[in-house]
Amino acid sequence: MAQKRGVKPKPTALLKLQGTYQKSRHDRPEPKPEGELKQRPPPDDLTPAQQAIWTSRLAWAPPGMLADLDYDAFASYVQLIDARDRIVTAQRKLDEGKTIPFMVRGKGGHPIVSPLFRELQRTIASMTRLAAELGFTPSARTRISVDTTVPAASNPDDGGWGMLKTFPVIKGGKAG
């Protein structure tokens, strides 16, 4: 399968939040995943440590950001976090009492970069890519903005007519 080039299309919901949605350009069929991931329990195959990560990271996610469709991707993200933590712990044990961290003796007795360090780099790279897909990185969050102001039409005292105050007034009149 050929890989598509160019910038990934933004989801319609994101375009609407940013105020850049144009029906003529962006009216494309888009799946609307249902269900809230926060309502689902962690997968049974996760270890107790991974289940704790699942619960804490899911609590950090804004409501409605993750749907049931993200279940497997989020589980993979949790497993990568756990793998990173275990690699860091193992490398710390190897580094105890050494003057140069992340170095081990190779077959010829020469110092080489620890294989755990290389695996740590790969794990962090995978984790970062998946975090960006799920919206957990700073750059992913900057593309999402939610308007928290109350619209004028929601004021019950004005009978709903307060929304008219938001429209621009065109001054002028009939010429002549």
C-alpha atoms as a PDB file:
ATOM      1  CA  MET A   1       0.000   0.000   0.000  1.00  0.00           C
ATOM      2  CA  ALA A   2       1.388   3.377  -1.007  1.00  0.00           C
ATOM      3  CA  GLN A   3       1.838   5.952   1.680  1.00  0.00           C
ATOM      4  CA  LYS A   4       0.013   9.272   1.247  1.00  0.00           C
ATOM      5  CA  ARG A   5       2.206  12.325   1.134  1.00  0.00           C
ATOM      6  CA  GLY A   6       1.654  15.768   2.487  1.00  0.00           C
ATOM      7  CA  VAL A   7       0.063  17.146   5.602  1.00  0.00           C
ATOM      8  CA  LYS A   8      -2.406  14.894   7.374  1.00  0.00           C
ATOM      9  CA  PRO A   9      -5.960  16.193   7.131  1.00  0.00           C
ATOM     10  CA  LYS A  10      -7.323  17.631  10.349  1.00  0.00           C
ATOM     11  CA  PRO A  11     -10.474  16.125  11.815  1.00  0.00           C
ATOM     12  CA  THR A  12     -13.631  18.147  11.160  1.00  0.00           C
ATOM     13  CA  ALA A  13     -14.204  18.669  14.887  1.00  0.00           C
ATOM     14  CA  LEU A  14     -10.760  20.264  15.188  1.00  0.00           C
ATOM     15  CA  LEU A  15     -11.415  22.543  12.201  1.00  0.00           C
ATOM     16  CA  LYS A  16     -14.679  23.684  13.778  1.00  0.00           C
ATOM     17  CA  LEU A  17     -12.996  24.356  17.127  1.00  0.00           C
ATOM     18  CA  GLN A  18     -10.347  26.467  15.398  1.00  0.00           C
ATOM     19  CA  GLY A  19     -12.941  28.338  13.362  1.00  0.00           C
ATOM     20  CA  THR A  20     -11.368  27.290  10.036  1.00  0.00           C
ATOM     21  CA  TYR A  21     -14.075  24.873   8.888  1.00  0.00           C
ATOM     22  CA  GLN A  22     -15.456  25.605   5.420  1.00  0.00           C
ATOM     23  CA  LYS A  23     -18.192  23.323   4.172  1.00  0.00           C
ATOM     24  CA  SER A  24     -17.102  23.732   0.550  1.00  0.00           C
ATOM     25  CA  ARG A  25     -13.603  22.445   1.362  1.00  0.00           C
ATOM     26  CA  HIS A  26     -14.000  20.190   4.316  1.00  0.00           C
ATOM     27  CA  ASP A  27     -17.307  18.443   3.660  1.00  0.00           C
ATOM     28  CA  ARG A  28     -15.965  14.907   3.456  1.00  0.00           C
ATOM     29  CA  PRO A  29     -17.321  11.762   5.008  1.00  0.00           C
ATOM     30  CA  GLU A  30     -15.601  11.226   8.314  1.00  0.00           C
ATOM     31  CA  PRO A  31     -16.187   8.444  10.807  1.00  0.00           C
ATOM     32  CA  LYS A  32     -17.598   9.572  14.109  1.00  0.00           C
ATOM     33  CA  PRO A  33     -16.388   7.160  16.787  1.00  0.00           C
ATOM     34  CA  GLU A  34     -18.817   6.561  19.587  1.00  0.00           C
ATOM     35  CA  GLY A  35     -18.311   5.820  23.237  1.00  0.00           C
ATOM     36  CA  GLU A  36     -16.014   7.309  25.821  1.00  0.00           C
ATOM     37  CA  LEU A  37     -12.776   5.431  26.484  1.00  0.00           C
ATOM     38  CA  LYS A  38     -12.882   6.560  30.128  1.00  0.00           C
ATOM     39  CA  GLN A  39     -15.938   4.343  30.613  1.00  0.00           C
ATOM     40  CA  ARG A  40     -14.077   1.156  29.625  1.00  0.00           C
ATOM     41  CA  PRO A  41     -11.899  -0.916  31.941  1.00  0.00           C
ATOM     42  CA  PRO A  42      -8.230  -1.594  31.090  1.00  0.00           C
ATOM     43  CA  PRO A  43      -7.533  -4.697  28.979  1.00  0.00           C
ATOM     44  CA  ASP A  44      -7.153  -7.925  30.948  1.00  0.00           C
ATOM     45  CA  ASP A  45      -3.706  -8.638  29.499  1.00  0.00           C
ATOM     46  CA  LEU A  46      -2.142  -5.558  31.144  1.00  0.00           C
ATOM     47  CA  THR A  47       0.020  -6.074  34.206  1.00  0.00           C
ATOM     48  CA  PRO A  48      -0.986  -4.345  37.457  1.00  0.00           C
ATOM     49  CA  ALA A  49       1.653  -1.652  36.824  1.00  0.00           C
ATOM     50  CA  GLN A  50       0.288  -1.086  33.313  1.00  0.00           C
ATOM     51  CA  GLN A  51      -3.272  -0.914  34.654  1.00  0.00           C
ATOM     52  CA  ALA A  52      -2.158   1.813  37.068  1.00  0.00           C
ATOM     53  CA  ILE A  53      -0.599   3.711  34.143  1.00  0.00           C
ATOM     54  CA  TRP A  54      -3.836   3.212  32.162  1.00  0.00           C
ATOM     55  CA  THR A  55      -5.906   4.725  34.964  1.00  0.00           C
ATOM     56  CA  SER A  56      -3.615   7.698  35.608  1.00  0.00           C
ATOM     57  CA  ARG A  57      -3.069   8.643  31.944  1.00  0.00           C
ATOM     58  CA  LEU A  58      -6.740   8.273  31.124  1.00  0.00           C
ATOM     59  CA  ALA A  59      -7.581  10.614  34.004  1.00  0.00           C
ATOM     60  CA  TRP A  60      -5.317  13.254  32.435  1.00  0.00           C
ATOM     61  CA  ALA A  61      -7.123  13.140  29.062  1.00  0.00           C
ATOM     62  CA  PRO A  62      -9.788  15.806  28.509  1.00  0.00           C
ATOM     63  CA  PRO A  63     -13.375  14.491  28.400  1.00  0.00           C
ATOM     64  CA  GLY A  64     -14.421  13.323  24.954  1.00  0.00           C
ATOM     65  CA  MET A  65     -10.892  13.255  23.553  1.00  0.00           C
ATOM     66  CA  LEU A  66     -10.547   9.469  23.445  1.00  0.00           C
ATOM     67  CA  ALA A  67     -13.275   7.231  22.040  1.00  0.00           C
ATOM     68  CA  ASP A  68     -13.776   3.478  22.196  1.00  0.00           C
ATOM     69  CA  LEU A  69     -12.028   3.268  18.831  1.00  0.00           C
ATOM     70  CA  ASP A  70      -8.790   4.412  20.514  1.00  0.00           C
ATOM     71  CA  TYR A  71      -8.802   1.444  22.910  1.00  0.00           C
ATOM     72  CA  ASP A  72      -5.992  -0.557  21.265  1.00  0.00           C
ATOM     73  CA  ALA A  73      -3.836   2.483  20.472  1.00  0.00           C
ATOM     74  CA  PHE A  74      -4.112   3.681  24.062  1.00  0.00           C
ATOM     75  CA  ALA A  75      -3.273   0.190  25.344  1.00  0.00           C
ATOM     76  CA  SER A  76      -0.138   0.183  23.142  1.00  0.00           C
ATOM     77  CA  TYR A  77       0.786   3.615  24.492  1.00  0.00           C
ATOM     78  CA  VAL A  78       0.453   2.337  28.071  1.00  0.00           C
ATOM     79  CA  GLN A  79       2.630  -0.701  27.276  1.00  0.00           C
ATOM     80  CA  LEU A  80       5.296   1.562  25.772  1.00  0.00           C
ATOM     81  CA  ILE A  81       5.332   3.717  28.912  1.00  0.00           C
ATOM     82  CA  ASP A  82       5.798   0.605  31.036  1.00  0.00           C
ATOM     83  CA  ALA A  83       8.560  -0.691  28.741  1.00  0.00           C
ATOM     84  CA  ARG A  84      10.356   2.660  28.987  1.00  0.00           C
ATOM     85  CA  ASP A  85      10.157   2.571  32.768  1.00  0.00           C
ATOM     86  CA  ARG A  86      11.530  -0.989  32.919  1.00  0.00           C
ATOM     87  CA  ILE A  87      14.388  -0.148  30.523  1.00  0.00           C
ATOM     88  CA  VAL A  88      15.352   2.905  32.597  1.00  0.00           C
ATOM     89  CA  THR A  89      15.348   0.805  35.787  1.00  0.00           C
ATOM     90  CA  ALA A  90      17.521  -1.899  34.195  1.00  0.00           C
ATOM     91  CA  GLN A  91      19.967   0.692  32.835  1.00  0.00           C
ATOM     92  CA  ARG A  92      20.261   2.343  36.263  1.00  0.00           C
ATOM     93  CA  LYS A  93      21.260  -1.013  37.730  1.00  0.00           C
ATOM     94  CA  LEU A  94      23.907  -1.430  35.023  1.00  0.00           C
ATOM     95  CA  ASP A  95      25.224   2.092  35.621  1.00  0.00           C
ATOM     96  CA  GLU A  96      25.691   1.660  39.389  1.00  0.00           C
ATOM     97  CA  GLY A  97      29.325   2.285  40.323  1.00  0.00           C
ATOM     98  CA  LYS A  98      30.345   3.280  36.765  1.00  0.00           C
ATOM     99  CA  THR A  99      31.969   6.573  35.872  1.00  0.00           C
ATOM    100  CA  ILE A 100      30.466   6.719  32.374  1.00  0.00           C
ATOM    101  CA  PRO A 101      26.740   5.983  32.147  1.00  0.00           C
ATOM    102  CA  PHE A 102      25.127   4.104  29.244  1.00  0.00           C
ATOM    103  CA  MET A 103      28.368   2.290  28.392  1.00  0.00           C
ATOM    104  CA  VAL A 104      29.111  -1.444  28.640  1.00  0.00           C
ATOM    105  CA  ARG A 105      32.023  -3.648  27.640  1.00  0.00           C
ATOM    106  CA  GLY A 106      31.743  -5.198  24.185  1.00  0.00           C
ATOM    107  CA  LYS A 107      33.063  -8.602  23.030  1.00  0.00           C
ATOM    108  CA  GLY A 108      36.616  -7.326  22.685  1.00  0.00           C
ATOM    109  CA  GLY A 109      36.506  -5.545  26.037  1.00  0.00           C
ATOM    110  CA  HIS A 110      36.075  -2.140  24.404  1.00  0.00           C
ATOM    111  CA  PRO A 111      33.398   0.213  25.709  1.00  0.00           C
ATOM    112  CA  ILE A 112      30.234   0.393  23.587  1.00  0.00           C
ATOM    113  CA  VAL A 113      26.891   2.107  23.985  1.00  0.00           C
ATOM    114  CA  SER A 114      24.539  -0.002  26.046  1.00  0.00           C
ATOM    115  CA  PRO A 115      21.980  -1.970  24.006  1.00  0.00           C
ATOM    116  CA  LEU A 116      19.425  -0.890  26.605  1.00  0.00           C
ATOM    117  CA  PHE A 117      20.109   2.743  25.710  1.00  0.00           C
ATOM    118  CA  ARG A 118      19.403   2.030  22.032  1.00  0.00           C
ATOM    119  CA  GLU A 119      16.205   0.212  22.985  1.00  0.00           C
ATOM    120  CA  LEU A 120      15.238   3.153  25.195  1.00  0.00           C
ATOM    121  CA  GLN A 121      15.636   5.520  22.244  1.00  0.00           C
ATOM    122  CA  ARG A 122      13.450   3.308  20.031  1.00  0.00           C
ATOM    123  CA  THR A 123      10.794   2.984  22.729  1.00  0.00           C
ATOM    124  CA  ILE A 124      10.681   6.730  23.339  1.00  0.00           C
ATOM    125  CA  ALA A 125      10.402   7.401  19.593  1.00  0.00           C
ATOM    126  CA  SER A 126       7.460   4.979  19.279  1.00  0.00           C
ATOM    127  CA  MET A 127       5.870   6.371  22.409  1.00  0.00           C
ATOM    128  CA  THR A 128       6.177   9.955  21.132  1.00  0.00           C
ATOM    129  CA  ARG A 129       4.614   9.087  17.761  1.00  0.00           C
ATOM    130  CA  LEU A 130       1.690   7.348  19.430  1.00  0.00           C
ATOM    131  CA  ALA A 131       1.291  10.167  21.955  1.00  0.00           C
ATOM    132  CA  ALA A 132       1.029  12.649  19.073  1.00  0.00           C
ATOM    133  CA  GLU A 133      -1.647  10.517  17.403  1.00  0.00           C
ATOM    134  CA  LEU A 134      -3.630  10.425  20.641  1.00  0.00           C
ATOM    135  CA  GLY A 135      -3.233  14.187  21.238  1.00  0.00           C
ATOM    136  CA  PHE A 136      -0.935  13.936  24.265  1.00  0.00           C
ATOM    137  CA  THR A 137       2.041  15.971  23.018  1.00  0.00           C
ATOM    138  CA  PRO A 138       2.433  19.747  23.446  1.00  0.00           C
ATOM    139  CA  SER A 139       2.327  20.313  19.678  1.00  0.00           C
ATOM    140  CA  ALA A 140      -0.850  18.241  19.348  1.00  0.00           C
ATOM    141  CA  ARG A 141      -2.476  20.220  22.161  1.00  0.00           C
ATOM    142  CA  THR A 142      -1.643  23.587  20.580  1.00  0.00           C
ATOM    143  CA  ARG A 143      -3.802  22.680  17.599  1.00  0.00           C
ATOM    144  CA  ILE A 144      -6.826  22.183  19.845  1.00  0.00           C
ATOM    145  CA  SER A 145      -8.557  25.161  21.406  1.00  0.00           C
ATOM    146  CA  VAL A 146     -11.916  25.215  23.096  1.00  0.00           C
ATOM    147  CA  ASP A 147     -13.918  28.399  23.466  1.00  0.00           C
ATOM    148  CA  THR A 148     -14.951  28.647  27.109  1.00  0.00           C
ATOM    149  CA  THR A 149     -16.915  31.913  26.801  1.00  0.00           C
ATOM    150  CA  VAL A 150     -20.672  31.790  27.190  1.00  0.00           C
ATOM    151  CA  PRO A 151     -22.465  32.831  23.995  1.00  0.00           C
ATOM    152  CA  ALA A 152     -24.823  35.793  24.256  1.00  0.00           C
ATOM    153  CA  ALA A 153     -27.806  33.688  23.120  1.00  0.00           C
ATOM    154  CA  SER A 154     -27.573  31.528  26.247  1.00  0.00           C
ATOM    155  CA  ASN A 155     -28.688  34.385  28.504  1.00  0.00           C
ATOM    156  CA  PRO A 156     -32.278  33.508  29.527  1.00  0.00           C
ATOM    157  CA  ASP A 157     -33.082  37.101  30.607  1.00  0.00           C
ATOM    158  CA  ASP A 158     -33.009  38.525  27.078  1.00  0.00           C
ATOM    159  CA  GLY A 159     -35.255  35.877  25.531  1.00  0.00           C
ATOM    160  CA  GLY A 160     -32.523  34.738  23.154  1.00  0.00           C
ATOM    161  CA  TRP A 161     -32.218  38.121  21.415  1.00  0.00           C
ATOM    162  CA  GLY A 162     -28.797  38.875  22.930  1.00  0.00           C
ATOM    163  CA  MET A 163     -27.170  36.989  20.061  1.00  0.00           C
ATOM    164  CA  LEU A 164     -28.055  39.897  17.738  1.00  0.00           C
ATOM    165  CA  LYS A 165     -25.581  42.080  19.631  1.00  0.00           C
ATOM    166  CA  THR A 166     -22.752  39.987  18.228  1.00  0.00           C
ATOM    167  CA  PHE A 167     -23.522  40.898  14.599  1.00  0.00           C
ATOM    168  CA  PRO A 168     -21.733  43.895  13.074  1.00  0.00           C
ATOM    169  CA  VAL A 169     -23.818  47.018  12.458  1.00  0.00           C
ATOM    170  CA  ILE A 170     -23.621  48.426   8.949  1.00  0.00           C
ATOM    171  CA  LYS A 171     -24.032  52.173   9.044  1.00  0.00           C
ATOM    172  CA  GLY A 172     -25.484  54.093   6.214  1.00  0.00           C
ATOM    173  CA  GLY A 173     -28.768  54.393   4.510  1.00  0.00           C
ATOM    174  CA  LYS A 174     -30.407  55.244   1.218  1.00  0.00           C
ATOM    175  CA  ALA A 175     -28.477  57.556  -0.959  1.00  0.00           C
ATOM    176  CA  GLY A 176     -30.362  60.511  -2.300  1.00  0.00           C
END
